[in-house]
Amino acid sequence: MNVRLLKAKRVERNVKQKDLATVLGITEKAMCQKECSEVNKFKAEEMVEIVKALNLSFPEFDAIFFDHELTKCLRRNIKT
């Protein structure tokens, strides 16, 4: 997970950490821990809510949460 890119997209879209925490139903402290650490991963349901709240495109979602691995997988499967 690219925590720097997640924070950059949140800031770019003028969404406060506190507001995103509210959307996810977690505390601001928990949001900070998840956003500032590679260790505390987001649940699948939380990823969906983040995509909606930040209006992320598929490439942005893939870059933030999967280091472009979904796109790479799709490309491999299309070629075969």
Protein backbone atom coordinates (compact mmCIF):
# COMPACT_ATOMS: atom_id res chain seq x y z
CA MET A 1 0.00 0.00 0.00
CA ASN A 2 1.26 3.45 -0.90
CA VAL A 3 0.39 5.51 2.18
CA ARG A 4 2.00 8.65 0.77
CA LEU A 5 -0.15 8.52 -2.34
CA LEU A 6 -3.30 7.92 -0.28
CA LYS A 7 -2.58 10.98 1.83
CA ALA A 8 -1.72 13.05 -1.25
CA LYS A 9 -5.02 12.14 -2.95
CA ARG A 10 -6.97 12.88 0.23
CA VAL A 11 -5.32 16.30 0.57
CA GLU A 12 -5.68 17.00 -3.18
CA ARG A 13 -9.42 16.42 -2.87
CA ASN A 14 -9.70 18.55 0.27
CA VAL A 15 -10.90 15.68 2.47
CA LYS A 16 -9.80 15.90 6.07
CA GLN A 17 -8.51 12.82 7.83
CA LYS A 18 -11.26 13.24 10.42
CA ASP A 19 -13.95 13.27 7.72
CA LEU A 20 -12.60 10.15 6.05
CA ALA A 21 -12.49 8.42 9.44
CA THR A 22 -16.17 9.27 9.91
CA VAL A 23 -17.02 7.79 6.50
CA LEU A 24 -15.17 4.60 7.44
CA GLY A 25 -16.75 4.42 10.89
CA ILE A 26 -13.40 4.48 12.67
CA THR A 27 -11.77 6.93 15.04
CA GLU A 28 -9.52 9.69 13.79
CA LYS A 29 -6.65 8.01 15.65
CA ALA A 30 -7.29 4.71 13.85
CA MET A 31 -7.43 6.56 10.53
CA CYS A 32 -4.13 8.25 11.28
CA GLN A 33 -2.55 4.91 12.15
CA LYS A 34 -3.80 3.31 8.95
CA GLU A 35 -2.82 6.26 6.77
CA CYS A 36 0.62 6.65 8.33
CA SER A 37 1.65 3.00 8.49
CA GLU A 38 2.27 0.17 6.08
CA VAL A 39 1.31 -2.21 8.90
CA ASN A 40 -2.31 -1.25 9.60
CA LYS A 41 -4.05 -2.25 6.38
CA PHE A 42 -7.52 -1.17 5.31
CA LYS A 43 -10.28 -3.76 5.08
CA ALA A 44 -11.85 -4.37 1.65
CA GLU A 45 -15.01 -2.54 2.74
CA GLU A 46 -12.93 0.44 3.85
CA MET A 47 -11.14 0.52 0.50
CA VAL A 48 -14.50 0.72 -1.27
CA GLU A 49 -15.57 3.63 0.93
CA ILE A 50 -12.24 5.42 0.34
CA VAL A 51 -12.65 5.02 -3.43
CA LYS A 52 -16.10 6.60 -3.19
CA ALA A 53 -15.13 9.36 -0.75
CA LEU A 54 -12.07 10.42 -2.75
CA ASN A 55 -13.62 9.67 -6.16
CA LEU A 56 -10.60 7.57 -7.13
CA SER A 57 -10.17 6.18 -10.62
CA PHE A 58 -9.22 2.52 -11.08
CA PRO A 59 -5.56 3.41 -11.80
CA GLU A 60 -5.43 5.56 -8.64
CA PHE A 61 -7.03 2.78 -6.57
CA ASP A 62 -4.60 0.23 -8.01
CA ALA A 63 -1.59 2.48 -7.37
CA ILE A 64 -2.58 3.24 -3.77
CA PHE A 65 -3.66 -0.18 -2.56
CA PHE A 66 -1.97 -2.68 -4.88
CA ASP A 67 1.18 -1.03 -6.30
CA HIS A 68 -0.24 -1.41 -9.84
CA GLU A 69 -0.45 -5.21 -9.45
CA LEU A 70 -4.11 -5.38 -10.56
CA THR A 71 -3.28 -3.60 -13.81
CA LYS A 72 -0.29 -5.89 -14.38
CA CYS A 73 -2.48 -8.95 -13.80
CA LEU A 74 -5.14 -7.69 -16.19
CA ARG A 75 -2.55 -7.02 -18.88
CA ARG A 76 -1.10 -10.51 -18.50
CA ASN A 77 -4.54 -12.09 -18.77
CA ILE A 78 -5.51 -10.03 -21.80
CA LYS A 79 -2.35 -11.10 -23.66
CA THR A 80 -3.02 -14.80 -23.13
